Amino acid sequence: MGIRTPELLAKIDIPRQKLYYLEQKGFIKPQKTVIGEKEFREYSEEDAKKVEYIWKYLKKGFKYKIAFEKAMEELASPQLSFAKTEKPAQG
């Protein structure tokens, strides 16, 4: 089972409209489940990570396409992310 929209919004603190825009542009592809007359989105862990990284770059002022490209680069090379956050050893 994936992460539903309210949980993802709370976890990443991204506005709902921006999250849906990422979906509209094809950057993420949540599963859609219909219960009664309502449609719910469920995001995979992979999509949740993408949203987190894309949002990080959007907040820095990058346009959507560039934010997506940078996020994919970072996700493809976890050592980049690790190297940026690693503190130098004290000797």
N, C-alpha and C. Protein backbone atom coordinates (compact mmCIF):
# COMPACT_ATOMS: atom_id res chain seq x y z
N MET A 1 0.84 -1.19 0.00
CA MET A 1 0.00 0.00 0.00
C MET A 1 0.88 1.25 0.00
N GLY A 2 0.50 2.22 -0.77
CA GLY A 2 1.30 3.43 -0.90
C GLY A 2 0.92 4.49 0.12
N ILE A 3 1.46 5.66 -0.12
CA ILE A 3 1.22 6.81 0.75
C ILE A 3 0.10 7.63 0.12
N ARG A 4 -0.92 7.95 0.88
CA ARG A 4 -2.03 8.76 0.37
C ARG A 4 -1.65 10.24 0.36
N THR A 5 -2.38 11.00 -0.42
CA THR A 5 -2.10 12.42 -0.61
C THR A 5 -1.95 13.19 0.71
N PRO A 6 -2.89 13.10 1.66
CA PRO A 6 -2.74 13.90 2.90
C PRO A 6 -1.44 13.59 3.67
N GLU A 7 -1.06 12.30 3.69
CA GLU A 7 0.18 11.93 4.39
C GLU A 7 1.40 12.49 3.67
N LEU A 8 1.37 12.43 2.34
CA LEU A 8 2.51 12.93 1.56
C LEU A 8 2.63 14.45 1.71
N LEU A 9 1.49 15.14 1.67
CA LEU A 9 1.50 16.60 1.84
C LEU A 9 2.08 16.98 3.21
N ALA A 10 1.70 16.24 4.24
CA ALA A 10 2.18 16.53 5.59
C ALA A 10 3.67 16.20 5.72
N LYS A 11 4.08 15.09 5.13
CA LYS A 11 5.48 14.64 5.25
C LYS A 11 6.44 15.60 4.55
N ILE A 12 6.06 16.06 3.36
CA ILE A 12 6.97 16.88 2.55
C ILE A 12 6.66 18.36 2.64
N ASP A 13 5.48 18.71 3.09
CA ASP A 13 5.07 20.10 3.21
C ASP A 13 5.06 20.82 1.86
N ILE A 14 4.49 20.14 0.87
CA ILE A 14 4.35 20.70 -0.47
C ILE A 14 2.88 21.06 -0.67
N PRO A 15 2.58 22.18 -1.31
CA PRO A 15 1.18 22.52 -1.57
C PRO A 15 0.53 21.48 -2.51
N ARG A 16 -0.72 21.17 -2.27
CA ARG A 16 -1.47 20.17 -3.05
C ARG A 16 -1.42 20.48 -4.55
N GLN A 17 -1.59 21.77 -4.93
CA GLN A 17 -1.61 22.13 -6.34
C GLN A 17 -0.28 21.77 -7.01
N LYS A 18 0.82 21.99 -6.30
CA LYS A 18 2.14 21.68 -6.87
C LYS A 18 2.31 20.17 -7.02
N LEU A 19 1.83 19.41 -6.04
CA LEU A 19 1.90 17.96 -6.11
C LEU A 19 1.12 17.46 -7.33
N TYR A 20 -0.08 17.97 -7.52
CA TYR A 20 -0.90 17.55 -8.65
C TYR A 20 -0.29 18.00 -9.98
N TYR A 21 0.40 19.13 -9.97
CA TYR A 21 1.06 19.60 -11.18
C TYR A 21 2.18 18.65 -11.58
N LEU A 22 2.91 18.13 -10.59
CA LEU A 22 3.98 17.16 -10.88
C LEU A 22 3.38 15.92 -11.55
N GLU A 23 2.21 15.52 -11.10
CA GLU A 23 1.52 14.38 -11.71
C GLU A 23 1.07 14.73 -13.13
N GLN A 24 0.49 15.91 -13.29
CA GLN A 24 0.01 16.36 -14.60
C GLN A 24 1.14 16.37 -15.63
N LYS A 25 2.33 16.77 -15.20
CA LYS A 25 3.48 16.85 -16.10
C LYS A 25 4.13 15.48 -16.34
N GLY A 26 3.68 14.47 -15.60
CA GLY A 26 4.23 13.13 -15.80
C GLY A 26 5.48 12.83 -14.99
N PHE A 27 5.84 13.70 -14.06
CA PHE A 27 7.04 13.48 -13.23
C PHE A 27 6.82 12.37 -12.22
N ILE A 28 5.57 12.20 -11.79
CA ILE A 28 5.19 11.12 -10.87
C ILE A 28 3.92 10.47 -11.39
N LYS A 29 3.69 9.22 -11.01
CA LYS A 29 2.52 8.49 -11.49
C LYS A 29 1.87 7.72 -10.34
N PRO A 30 1.08 8.40 -9.53
CA PRO A 30 0.42 7.70 -8.42
C PRO A 30 -0.64 6.72 -8.91
N GLN A 31 -0.86 5.69 -8.11
CA GLN A 31 -1.96 4.76 -8.37
C GLN A 31 -3.26 5.48 -8.00
N LYS A 32 -4.29 5.32 -8.79
CA LYS A 32 -5.58 5.93 -8.45
C LYS A 32 -6.56 4.82 -8.11
N THR A 33 -7.20 4.97 -6.97
CA THR A 33 -8.15 3.99 -6.48
C THR A 33 -9.49 4.68 -6.31
N VAL A 34 -10.55 4.06 -6.82
CA VAL A 34 -11.89 4.61 -6.68
C VAL A 34 -12.60 3.84 -5.57
N ILE A 35 -13.08 4.59 -4.58
CA ILE A 35 -13.87 4.01 -3.50
C ILE A 35 -15.19 4.78 -3.49
N GLY A 36 -16.24 4.08 -3.86
CA GLY A 36 -17.53 4.76 -3.99
C GLY A 36 -17.44 5.75 -5.14
N GLU A 37 -17.71 7.00 -4.84
CA GLU A 37 -17.64 8.05 -5.87
C GLU A 37 -16.35 8.86 -5.79
N LYS A 38 -15.49 8.51 -4.84
CA LYS A 38 -14.26 9.28 -4.65
C LYS A 38 -13.06 8.56 -5.25
N GLU A 39 -12.13 9.36 -5.74
CA GLU A 39 -10.89 8.84 -6.29
C GLU A 39 -9.75 9.23 -5.34
N PHE A 40 -8.96 8.25 -4.97
CA PHE A 40 -7.82 8.50 -4.07
C PHE A 40 -6.53 8.20 -4.82
N ARG A 41 -5.51 8.98 -4.51
CA ARG A 41 -4.18 8.74 -5.07
C ARG A 41 -3.32 8.07 -4.00
N GLU A 42 -2.55 7.10 -4.44
CA GLU A 42 -1.57 6.47 -3.56
C GLU A 42 -0.21 6.54 -4.26
N TYR A 43 0.76 7.08 -3.54
CA TYR A 43 2.09 7.29 -4.09
C TYR A 43 3.03 6.20 -3.61
N SER A 44 3.83 5.69 -4.53
CA SER A 44 4.84 4.69 -4.18
C SER A 44 5.96 5.39 -3.40
N GLU A 45 6.81 4.60 -2.76
CA GLU A 45 7.97 5.17 -2.07
C GLU A 45 8.85 5.93 -3.06
N GLU A 46 8.96 5.39 -4.27
CA GLU A 46 9.77 6.03 -5.31
C GLU A 46 9.20 7.40 -5.68
N ASP A 47 7.88 7.46 -5.87
CA ASP A 47 7.24 8.75 -6.18
C ASP A 47 7.40 9.73 -5.02
N ALA A 48 7.26 9.24 -3.80
CA ALA A 48 7.40 10.10 -2.62
C ALA A 48 8.80 10.71 -2.58
N LYS A 49 9.81 9.89 -2.88
CA LYS A 49 11.20 10.40 -2.91
C LYS A 49 11.37 11.44 -4.01
N LYS A 50 10.80 11.14 -5.19
CA LYS A 50 10.90 12.09 -6.29
C LYS A 50 10.29 13.43 -5.89
N VAL A 51 9.11 13.39 -5.29
CA VAL A 51 8.43 14.62 -4.87
C VAL A 51 9.30 15.38 -3.88
N GLU A 52 9.87 14.66 -2.93
CA GLU A 52 10.72 15.29 -1.91
C GLU A 52 11.90 16.02 -2.55
N TYR A 53 12.57 15.37 -3.48
CA TYR A 53 13.75 15.97 -4.11
C TYR A 53 13.35 17.09 -5.07
N ILE A 54 12.30 16.88 -5.86
CA ILE A 54 11.84 17.93 -6.78
C ILE A 54 11.44 19.17 -5.99
N TRP A 55 10.71 18.98 -4.91
CA TRP A 55 10.26 20.10 -4.08
C TRP A 55 11.45 20.86 -3.51
N LYS A 56 12.49 20.12 -3.12
CA LYS A 56 13.70 20.76 -2.60
C LYS A 56 14.27 21.74 -3.63
N TYR A 57 14.32 21.32 -4.90
CA TYR A 57 14.87 22.19 -5.94
C TYR A 57 13.90 23.30 -6.34
N LEU A 58 12.60 23.03 -6.32
CA LEU A 58 11.63 24.08 -6.61
C LEU A 58 11.73 25.20 -5.57
N LYS A 59 11.92 24.83 -4.31
CA LYS A 59 12.04 25.85 -3.25
C LYS A 59 13.30 26.69 -3.42
N LYS A 60 14.30 26.13 -4.11
CA LYS A 60 15.54 26.89 -4.37
C LYS A 60 15.40 27.79 -5.59
N GLY A 61 14.23 27.73 -6.25
CA GLY A 61 13.99 28.64 -7.37
C GLY A 61 14.13 28.03 -8.75
N PHE A 62 14.39 26.73 -8.85
CA PHE A 62 14.52 26.09 -10.15
C PHE A 62 13.14 25.90 -10.78
N LYS A 63 13.08 25.93 -12.10
CA LYS A 63 11.85 25.64 -12.83
C LYS A 63 11.57 24.14 -12.72
N TYR A 64 10.33 23.75 -12.99
CA TYR A 64 9.91 22.35 -12.81
C TYR A 64 10.80 21.36 -13.55
N LYS A 65 11.05 21.61 -14.84
CA LYS A 65 11.81 20.65 -15.64
C LYS A 65 13.22 20.48 -15.08
N ILE A 66 13.86 21.59 -14.74
CA ILE A 66 15.23 21.53 -14.20
C ILE A 66 15.22 20.89 -12.82
N ALA A 67 14.23 21.22 -12.00
CA ALA A 67 14.11 20.62 -10.66
C ALA A 67 13.97 19.11 -10.79
N PHE A 68 13.16 18.66 -11.75
CA PHE A 68 12.98 17.22 -11.99
C PHE A 68 14.29 16.58 -12.42
N GLU A 69 14.99 17.21 -13.35
CA GLU A 69 16.27 16.66 -13.84
C GLU A 69 17.29 16.57 -12.71
N LYS A 70 17.39 17.62 -11.90
CA LYS A 70 18.33 17.61 -10.78
C LYS A 70 17.95 16.54 -9.75
N ALA A 71 16.65 16.40 -9.50
CA ALA A 71 16.18 15.39 -8.55
C ALA A 71 16.53 13.99 -9.05
N MET A 72 16.34 13.74 -10.35
CA MET A 72 16.64 12.43 -10.91
C MET A 72 18.13 12.14 -10.85
N GLU A 73 18.94 13.16 -11.11
CA GLU A 73 20.40 13.01 -10.99
C GLU A 73 20.78 12.60 -9.58
N GLU A 74 20.21 13.31 -8.62
CA GLU A 74 20.53 13.06 -7.22
C GLU A 74 20.05 11.68 -6.78
N LEU A 75 18.87 11.29 -7.23
CA LEU A 75 18.35 9.97 -6.88
C LEU A 75 19.16 8.85 -7.53
N ALA A 76 19.68 9.10 -8.72
CA ALA A 76 20.49 8.11 -9.43
C ALA A 76 21.88 7.97 -8.82
N SER A 77 22.33 9.02 -8.14
CA SER A 77 23.66 9.02 -7.52
C SER A 77 23.54 9.36 -6.04
N PRO A 78 23.11 8.41 -5.22
CA PRO A 78 22.92 8.71 -3.79
C PRO A 78 24.17 9.26 -3.11
N GLN A 79 25.34 8.92 -3.64
CA GLN A 79 26.57 9.43 -3.02
C GLN A 79 26.68 10.94 -3.13
N LEU A 80 26.05 11.54 -4.16
CA LEU A 80 26.04 13.01 -4.28
C LEU A 80 25.32 13.62 -3.08
N SER A 81 24.17 13.07 -2.77
CA SER A 81 23.38 13.54 -1.64
C SER A 81 24.15 13.33 -0.35
N PHE A 82 24.77 12.16 -0.21
CA PHE A 82 25.52 11.83 1.00
C PHE A 82 26.73 12.75 1.16
N ALA A 83 27.43 12.99 0.06
CA ALA A 83 28.63 13.83 0.11
C ALA A 83 28.29 15.25 0.54
N LYS A 84 27.14 15.75 0.14
CA LYS A 84 26.76 17.12 0.49
C LYS A 84 26.41 17.26 1.96
N THR A 85 25.91 16.17 2.58
CA THR A 85 25.46 16.27 3.96
C THR A 85 26.48 15.74 4.94
N GLU A 86 27.47 15.05 4.43
CA GLU A 86 28.48 14.46 5.31
C GLU A 86 29.34 15.57 5.92
N LYS A 87 29.58 15.45 7.21
CA LYS A 87 30.44 16.43 7.88
C LYS A 87 31.88 15.95 7.80
N PRO A 88 32.82 16.86 7.65
CA PRO A 88 34.22 16.44 7.57
C PRO A 88 34.66 15.82 8.91
N ALA A 89 35.52 14.83 8.79
CA ALA A 89 36.02 14.17 10.00
C ALA A 89 36.92 15.12 10.78
N GLN A 90 36.79 15.06 12.07
CA GLN A 90 37.62 15.91 12.93
C GLN A 90 38.85 15.10 13.34
N GLY A 91 39.99 15.70 13.19
CA GLY A 91 41.19 14.90 13.42
C GLY A 91 41.96 15.38 14.51
